[in-house]
Amino acid sequence: MIFAIPLAWLQLIRERIRLLVAIAGIAFAVVLMLMQFGFRDALFKAAVRFHESLNTDIVLISPQSTALIAMRSFPRRRLYQAAGFEGVASVSPLYLNFGLWRNPINKRTRQLMVIGVDPMAVSIAVSDTPHWQEAIKLADHVLFDAQSRAEFGPIPELYRQGEEITTEVSGRKITVAGLFRMGANFGADGNLLTSDLNFLRLFPERNPGLIDVGLVRVQPGVNTKALARRMNAALGNDVLVMTREEFAEFERSYWEKSTSIGFIFSLGALMGFIVGSVIVYQILYTDVTDHLAEYATLKAMGYRDVFFYGLVMQESLILSCMGYIPGFIVSFLLYLLIANATSLPVWMTVERASLVFTLTVLMCTLSGAIAMRRIQAADPADIF
């Protein structure tokens, strides 16, 4: 028959409870792998949100800085020295520090990152507030990150309703003059953007002559990497020069290699792969054992081992597809839930979905290959 039902499918549905258990086990492994890879990728994406929002070509930082959460200051004069290089269009300083935000609703405090920029320079991308540079020039006026965690209060909603929002940051009264979008990361749950003068008002202990990041815009047609290398060689040892892409990679590398977070997420995905492999192996091994007498009969009729190997591999592929679909759906819903709850960039991507599907097929086929060894025991002389 042209539309004959494959023997592998008939064997799987013969024990429906066993089939459901196998699908549930594979789906669990898929969810575990997708969640672990999703968390890991969200970590790396969130870590470089700040870097990607910078309107710069070259970045100057202290060599003692290890990540955005552990920046060290360097002399501001290095930035002015960089402005003297041929091909430089403009430079601007940037200050970073963590302050205590007081929720204007429940009065609870929570730490967020405060970014101080020169309002005369378009050093960071802001799309939510027109004329935002004029807004932060006013004393004690700030922009609030609309993608900050909900624990900071319903600031975006209140602002869009036209209400005046005043609260405290590190004990100083401030006014929210607008919104911008950057998003939370694993180092900061929220962000504020203000002028360099307002930044120094919030943190009077900071030395104005020491900055955290120097931003350099280059003229059109200038080789950015070559200019950065020249600056790095000419400036003092108290400053490190890199392109914006290298700055983002510098941050990503810290979280991936200098902390245990990336390793933990990768280990979690590996555990999901192993758990799924064990479940599929047990199901296929039991199925082969239950049909050992039938296989022996077929062998006696002249069927070769390759026929049975193909049969088990078909079962493996069917199980991988049937287990992947519910696992993908559950993971997609969990991604939406986590993104809304944490403001982290946890979303499904084609690359990740394809990777986990490939791992699922590999997981099932490897388990099937191991289970196929049992077929070698199907000797008609022993069974009959």
Protein backbone atom coordinates (compact mmCIF):
# COMPACT_ATOMS: atom_id res chain seq x y z
CA MET A 1 0.00 0.00 0.00
CA ILE A 2 1.23 3.49 -0.86
CA PHE A 3 -0.08 5.02 2.36
CA ALA A 4 0.85 2.13 4.63
CA ILE A 5 1.50 3.09 8.24
CA PRO A 6 5.21 2.62 9.04
CA LEU A 7 6.00 -0.29 11.29
CA ALA A 8 8.00 2.00 13.60
CA TRP A 9 4.91 4.15 14.26
CA LEU A 10 2.74 1.08 14.90
CA GLN A 11 5.21 -0.21 17.46
CA LEU A 12 5.31 3.14 19.27
CA ILE A 13 1.53 3.55 19.55
CA ARG A 14 1.08 -0.07 20.67
CA GLU A 15 1.98 1.06 24.20
CA ARG A 16 0.35 4.48 24.41
CA ILE A 17 1.27 5.15 28.03
CA ARG A 18 4.91 4.39 27.26
CA LEU A 19 4.74 6.70 24.25
CA LEU A 20 3.29 9.55 26.33
CA VAL A 21 5.99 9.07 28.95
CA ALA A 22 8.65 9.19 26.24
CA ILE A 23 7.17 12.38 24.72
CA ALA A 24 6.97 14.01 28.16
CA GLY A 25 10.57 13.09 28.93
CA ILE A 26 11.87 14.44 25.62
CA ALA A 27 9.76 17.58 25.98
CA PHE A 28 11.24 18.12 29.44
CA ALA A 29 14.75 17.81 28.02
CA VAL A 30 13.86 20.26 25.21
CA VAL A 31 12.48 22.78 27.72
CA LEU A 32 15.57 22.45 29.89
CA MET A 33 17.93 22.99 26.95
CA LEU A 34 15.94 25.89 25.50
CA MET A 35 15.67 27.62 28.87
CA GLN A 36 19.35 27.24 29.67
CA PHE A 37 20.45 28.47 26.25
CA GLY A 38 17.87 31.25 26.49
CA PHE A 39 19.14 32.44 29.87
CA ARG A 40 22.73 32.31 28.67
CA ASP A 41 22.01 34.29 25.50
CA ALA A 42 19.87 36.77 27.47
CA LEU A 43 22.79 37.32 29.79
CA PHE A 44 25.10 38.19 26.93
CA LYS A 45 22.52 40.36 25.14
CA ALA A 46 21.57 42.25 28.29
CA ALA A 47 25.21 42.73 29.22
CA VAL A 48 25.91 44.74 26.04
CA ARG A 49 22.71 46.81 25.85
CA PHE A 50 24.56 49.78 27.24
CA HIS A 51 27.44 49.34 24.81
CA GLU A 52 25.13 49.07 21.79
CA SER A 53 23.29 52.26 22.75
CA LEU A 54 26.47 54.36 22.73
CA ASN A 55 26.79 56.76 19.82
CA THR A 56 30.53 56.34 19.43
CA ASP A 57 33.21 54.69 17.31
CA ILE A 58 36.07 54.42 19.81
CA VAL A 59 35.92 53.92 23.57
CA LEU A 60 38.47 54.79 26.25
CA ILE A 61 38.37 53.01 29.62
CA SER A 62 40.70 52.29 32.49
CA PRO A 63 42.85 49.15 32.14
CA GLN A 64 41.69 48.23 35.65
CA SER A 65 38.06 48.00 34.54
CA THR A 66 36.75 44.47 34.24
CA ALA A 67 33.07 44.97 33.36
CA LEU A 68 30.31 47.56 33.41
CA ILE A 69 29.59 46.75 37.04
CA ALA A 70 33.24 47.24 37.98
CA MET A 71 34.42 50.28 36.04
CA ARG A 72 37.46 52.24 37.21
CA SER A 73 38.06 55.90 36.50
CA PHE A 74 40.89 57.43 34.49
CA PRO A 75 42.05 61.04 33.94
CA ARG A 76 39.75 63.12 31.77
CA ARG A 77 42.76 64.74 30.10
CA ARG A 78 43.39 61.47 28.23
CA LEU A 79 40.12 62.05 26.39
CA TYR A 80 41.24 65.55 25.38
CA GLN A 81 44.55 64.11 24.20
CA ALA A 82 42.61 61.67 22.04
CA ALA A 83 40.76 64.63 20.50
CA GLY A 84 44.06 65.80 19.03
CA PHE A 85 44.50 62.76 16.80
CA GLU A 86 43.94 63.23 13.10
CA GLY A 87 40.59 61.80 12.06
CA VAL A 88 38.77 62.48 15.34
CA ALA A 89 35.49 64.36 14.91
CA SER A 90 34.46 64.81 18.56
CA VAL A 91 34.93 63.46 22.06
CA SER A 92 32.68 63.36 25.11
CA PRO A 93 33.03 62.02 28.68
CA LEU A 94 30.71 59.58 30.37
CA TYR A 95 30.27 58.92 34.10
CA LEU A 96 28.88 55.75 35.68
CA ASN A 97 27.87 54.92 39.22
CA PHE A 98 25.26 53.04 41.18
CA GLY A 99 22.72 54.97 43.22
CA LEU A 100 19.79 54.13 45.50
CA TRP A 101 16.43 54.91 43.90
CA ARG A 102 13.45 55.49 46.18
CA ASN A 103 10.22 54.11 44.74
CA PRO A 104 7.82 57.10 44.83
CA ILE A 105 4.87 54.77 45.48
CA ASN A 106 5.97 52.47 48.31
CA LYS A 107 9.14 54.38 49.34
CA ARG A 108 11.34 51.30 49.06
CA THR A 109 14.90 51.74 47.83
CA ARG A 110 16.60 49.77 45.07
CA GLN A 111 19.96 50.13 43.38
CA LEU A 112 20.17 51.27 39.77
CA MET A 113 22.88 52.54 37.46
CA VAL A 114 23.20 56.29 36.88
CA ILE A 115 24.73 57.43 33.59
CA GLY A 116 26.09 60.96 33.30
CA VAL A 117 26.66 62.37 29.80
CA ASP A 118 27.55 65.68 28.24
CA PRO A 119 24.17 67.09 27.12
CA MET A 120 25.90 69.02 24.32
CA ALA A 121 27.01 65.76 22.70
CA VAL A 122 24.68 63.07 21.34
CA SER A 123 26.62 60.33 23.08
CA ILE A 124 23.81 57.86 23.68
CA ALA A 125 20.74 56.80 21.70
CA VAL A 126 17.45 58.11 23.14
CA SER A 127 14.23 57.83 21.16
CA ASP A 128 11.43 58.12 23.72
CA THR A 129 11.90 61.77 24.71
CA PRO A 130 12.23 64.58 22.15
CA HIS A 131 14.68 67.33 23.15
CA TRP A 132 15.97 65.13 25.93
CA GLN A 133 19.30 66.94 25.98
CA GLU A 134 17.58 70.17 27.01
CA ALA A 135 15.56 68.29 29.62
CA ILE A 136 18.58 66.90 31.48
CA LYS A 137 20.31 70.28 31.50
CA LEU A 138 17.89 71.36 34.19
CA ALA A 139 19.18 70.86 37.72
CA ASP A 140 18.33 67.47 39.22
CA HIS A 141 16.37 66.32 36.16
CA VAL A 142 16.86 62.78 34.86
CA LEU A 143 15.57 60.35 32.26
CA PHE A 144 14.21 57.05 33.56
CA ASP A 145 14.76 53.74 31.76
CA ALA A 146 11.29 52.60 30.69
CA GLN A 147 12.51 48.99 30.54
CA SER A 148 13.65 48.90 34.16
CA ARG A 149 12.19 46.30 36.49
CA ALA A 150 8.74 46.91 37.97
CA GLU A 151 10.15 47.19 41.51
CA PHE A 152 11.19 50.78 40.77
CA GLY A 153 7.54 51.75 40.46
CA PRO A 154 5.15 52.46 37.56
CA ILE A 155 7.29 55.36 36.39
CA PRO A 156 6.66 54.99 32.61
CA GLU A 157 2.90 54.83 33.14
CA LEU A 158 2.85 57.82 35.46
CA TYR A 159 4.99 59.89 33.10
CA ARG A 160 2.86 59.06 30.06
CA GLN A 161 -0.22 60.11 32.05
CA GLY A 162 1.35 63.54 32.47
CA GLU A 163 1.98 63.31 36.21
CA GLU A 164 5.00 65.01 37.75
CA ILE A 165 7.37 62.42 39.20
CA THR A 166 9.73 63.44 41.98
CA THR A 167 11.68 61.08 44.21
CA GLU A 168 15.17 60.60 45.64
CA VAL A 169 18.35 59.08 44.32
CA SER A 170 21.08 58.52 46.91
CA GLY A 171 19.33 60.98 49.21
CA ARG A 172 18.99 63.80 46.67
CA LYS A 173 15.63 64.93 45.30
CA ILE A 174 15.27 64.48 41.54
CA THR A 175 12.59 64.94 38.88
CA VAL A 176 11.90 62.51 36.04
CA ALA A 177 11.96 64.64 32.90
CA GLY A 178 11.54 61.87 30.34
CA LEU A 179 12.06 58.25 29.39
CA PHE A 180 14.61 56.26 27.44
CA ARG A 181 15.08 52.57 26.70
CA MET A 182 18.06 50.45 27.65
CA GLY A 183 16.77 47.58 29.76
CA ALA A 184 17.87 45.66 32.81
CA ASN A 185 20.86 43.37 32.86
CA PHE A 186 22.46 41.02 35.36
CA GLY A 187 24.39 43.92 36.90
CA ALA A 188 21.68 46.60 37.08
CA ASP A 189 17.91 46.25 37.37
CA GLY A 190 17.32 49.78 36.09
CA ASN A 191 19.04 52.87 34.68
CA LEU A 192 18.93 56.64 34.91
CA LEU A 193 20.36 59.06 32.35
CA THR A 194 21.28 62.62 33.25
CA SER A 195 23.81 65.35 32.52
CA ASP A 196 27.36 65.22 33.78
CA LEU A 197 26.66 68.15 36.12
CA ASN A 198 23.60 66.46 37.61
CA PHE A 199 25.63 63.28 37.97
CA LEU A 200 28.24 65.14 40.03
CA ARG A 201 25.45 66.64 42.14
CA LEU A 202 24.16 63.14 42.89
CA PHE A 203 27.67 61.91 43.71
CA PRO A 204 29.57 64.88 45.15
CA GLU A 205 32.41 62.62 46.23
CA ARG A 206 33.32 61.99 42.61
CA ASN A 207 36.29 63.88 41.15
CA PRO A 208 35.14 65.72 37.98
CA GLY A 209 38.59 65.15 36.50
CA LEU A 210 38.15 61.39 36.55
CA ILE A 211 35.74 59.78 34.08
CA ASP A 212 34.63 56.19 33.56
CA VAL A 213 34.26 56.01 29.77
CA GLY A 214 35.58 58.26 27.02
CA LEU A 215 33.63 58.39 23.77
CA VAL A 216 35.33 59.28 20.49
CA ARG A 217 33.54 59.88 17.18
CA VAL A 218 35.71 59.61 14.08
CA GLN A 219 35.38 61.41 10.77
CA PRO A 220 33.82 59.61 7.79
CA GLY A 221 36.24 57.40 5.91
CA VAL A 222 38.66 56.98 8.81
CA ASN A 223 39.80 53.45 9.67
CA THR A 224 38.46 53.11 13.21
CA LYS A 225 40.53 50.10 14.21
CA ALA A 226 43.77 51.62 12.97
CA LEU A 227 43.03 54.90 14.77
CA ALA A 228 42.26 53.02 18.00
CA ARG A 229 45.57 51.17 17.76
CA ARG A 230 47.46 54.44 17.28
CA MET A 231 45.73 55.97 20.27
CA ASN A 232 46.44 52.91 22.40
CA ALA A 233 50.13 53.10 21.57
CA ALA A 234 50.44 56.86 22.10
CA LEU A 235 48.36 57.44 25.22
CA GLY A 236 49.52 56.48 28.70
CA ASN A 237 49.25 53.14 30.45
CA ASP A 238 46.34 54.45 32.50
CA VAL A 239 43.92 54.18 29.58
CA LEU A 240 42.78 51.37 27.28
CA VAL A 241 41.52 52.20 23.78
CA MET A 242 39.18 49.95 21.79
CA THR A 243 36.42 50.16 19.21
CA ARG A 244 32.78 50.04 20.30
CA GLU A 245 32.49 46.45 19.04
CA GLU A 246 35.58 45.47 21.02
CA PHE A 247 34.12 47.21 24.07
CA ALA A 248 30.97 45.08 23.76
CA GLU A 249 33.06 41.93 23.30
CA PHE A 250 35.11 42.96 26.35
CA GLU A 251 31.92 42.94 28.43
CA ARG A 252 30.58 39.73 26.91
CA SER A 253 33.87 37.97 27.50
CA TYR A 254 33.81 38.92 31.18
CA TRP A 255 30.45 37.25 31.79
CA GLU A 256 31.32 34.23 29.67
CA LYS A 257 34.85 33.51 30.86
CA SER A 258 35.47 35.36 34.12
CA THR A 259 32.30 34.27 35.91
CA SER A 260 30.68 30.90 36.46
CA ILE A 261 27.32 32.01 35.03
CA GLY A 262 27.98 31.05 31.43
CA PHE A 263 29.41 27.69 32.51
CA ILE A 264 26.40 26.97 34.72
CA PHE A 265 23.91 27.61 31.92
CA SER A 266 25.91 25.46 29.49
CA LEU A 267 26.10 22.69 32.09
CA GLY A 268 22.33 22.90 32.58
CA ALA A 269 21.79 22.41 28.83
CA LEU A 270 24.15 19.42 28.89
CA MET A 271 22.22 17.89 31.77
CA GLY A 272 19.01 18.26 29.76
CA PHE A 273 20.66 16.46 26.86
CA ILE A 274 21.81 13.61 29.13
CA VAL A 275 18.42 13.28 30.85
CA GLY A 276 16.63 13.12 27.51
CA SER A 277 19.09 10.57 26.18
CA VAL A 278 18.56 8.28 29.17
CA ILE A 279 14.77 8.50 28.86
CA VAL A 280 14.78 7.74 25.13
CA TYR A 281 17.24 4.89 25.62
CA GLN A 282 15.06 3.29 28.27
CA ILE A 283 11.96 3.56 26.07
CA LEU A 284 13.65 2.16 22.97
CA TYR A 285 15.47 -0.58 24.90
CA THR A 286 12.20 -1.72 26.45
CA ASP A 287 10.48 -1.62 23.07
CA VAL A 288 13.21 -3.72 21.46
CA THR A 289 13.11 -6.20 24.33
CA ASP A 290 9.34 -6.57 24.08
CA HIS A 291 9.58 -7.39 20.36
CA LEU A 292 12.67 -9.57 20.57
CA ALA A 293 10.75 -12.72 19.63
CA GLU A 294 9.21 -11.02 16.60
CA TYR A 295 12.64 -9.77 15.51
CA ALA A 296 14.02 -13.30 15.85
CA THR A 297 11.21 -14.63 13.67
CA LEU A 298 11.92 -11.99 11.02
CA LYS A 299 15.61 -12.88 11.18
CA ALA A 300 14.74 -16.51 10.59
CA MET A 301 12.75 -15.39 7.53
CA GLY A 302 15.85 -13.73 6.11
CA TYR A 303 15.63 -10.13 7.30
CA ARG A 304 19.07 -8.63 7.94
CA ASP A 305 20.13 -6.52 10.93
CA VAL A 306 20.11 -3.35 8.83
CA PHE A 307 16.30 -3.63 8.59
CA PHE A 308 15.95 -3.61 12.38
CA TYR A 309 18.49 -0.82 12.76
CA GLY A 310 16.46 1.29 10.37
CA LEU A 311 13.31 0.46 12.33
CA VAL A 312 14.79 1.66 15.62
CA MET A 313 16.19 4.79 14.00
CA GLN A 314 12.74 5.61 12.60
CA GLU A 315 11.31 5.31 16.10
CA SER A 316 14.05 7.64 17.34
CA LEU A 317 13.24 10.29 14.74
CA ILE A 318 9.51 10.05 15.42
CA LEU A 319 10.08 10.45 19.15
CA SER A 320 12.40 13.42 18.64
CA CYS A 321 9.82 15.29 16.56
CA MET A 322 6.89 14.44 18.83
CA GLY A 323 8.83 15.47 21.94
CA TYR A 324 10.28 18.64 20.46
CA ILE A 325 6.96 20.27 19.52
CA PRO A 326 5.42 20.46 23.03
CA GLY A 327 8.81 21.35 24.50
CA PHE A 328 9.14 24.24 22.06
CA ILE A 329 5.63 25.53 22.83
CA VAL A 330 6.18 25.42 26.60
CA SER A 331 9.56 27.16 26.27
CA PHE A 332 8.10 29.88 24.04
CA LEU A 333 5.44 30.64 26.66
CA LEU A 334 8.03 30.64 29.44
CA TYR A 335 10.17 33.06 27.43
CA LEU A 336 7.25 35.50 27.24
CA LEU A 337 6.60 35.14 30.96
CA ILE A 338 10.23 35.70 31.94
CA ALA A 339 10.68 38.65 29.58
CA ASN A 340 7.65 40.41 31.05
CA ALA A 341 8.68 39.64 34.64
CA THR A 342 12.39 40.51 34.44
CA SER A 343 12.76 42.89 31.45
CA LEU A 344 15.58 40.65 30.22
CA PRO A 345 15.90 40.00 26.46
CA VAL A 346 14.68 36.40 26.65
CA TRP A 347 13.05 35.58 23.34
CA MET A 348 13.02 32.67 20.93
CA THR A 349 15.38 32.82 17.98
CA VAL A 350 15.53 30.67 14.87
CA GLU A 351 19.15 29.81 15.56
CA ARG A 352 18.45 28.59 19.09
CA ALA A 353 15.33 26.66 18.09
CA SER A 354 17.27 24.99 15.26
CA LEU A 355 20.18 24.16 17.55
CA VAL A 356 17.97 22.52 20.16
CA PHE A 357 16.02 20.61 17.50
CA THR A 358 19.32 19.29 16.12
CA LEU A 359 20.42 18.30 19.63
CA THR A 360 17.05 16.59 20.20
CA VAL A 361 17.42 14.52 17.03
CA LEU A 362 21.02 13.72 17.96
CA MET A 363 19.94 12.79 21.49
CA CYS A 364 17.30 10.38 20.22
CA THR A 365 19.42 8.83 17.47
CA LEU A 366 22.34 8.24 19.84
CA SER A 367 20.01 6.56 22.30
CA GLY A 368 18.55 4.48 19.48
CA ALA A 369 22.03 3.47 18.34
CA ILE A 370 22.85 2.21 21.84
CA ALA A 371 19.52 0.42 22.17
CA MET A 372 20.10 -1.35 18.81
CA ARG A 373 22.75 -3.51 20.42
CA ARG A 374 19.93 -5.45 22.03
CA ILE A 375 18.79 -6.58 18.57
CA GLN A 376 21.95 -8.62 18.24
CA ALA A 377 20.51 -10.88 20.94
CA ALA A 378 17.55 -11.72 18.73
CA ASP A 379 18.90 -15.12 17.71
CA PRO A 380 16.20 -17.54 16.51
CA ALA A 381 18.17 -20.51 17.83
CA ASP A 382 18.15 -19.08 21.36
CA ILE A 383 14.56 -17.86 21.43
CA PHE A 384 12.89 -20.91 19.81
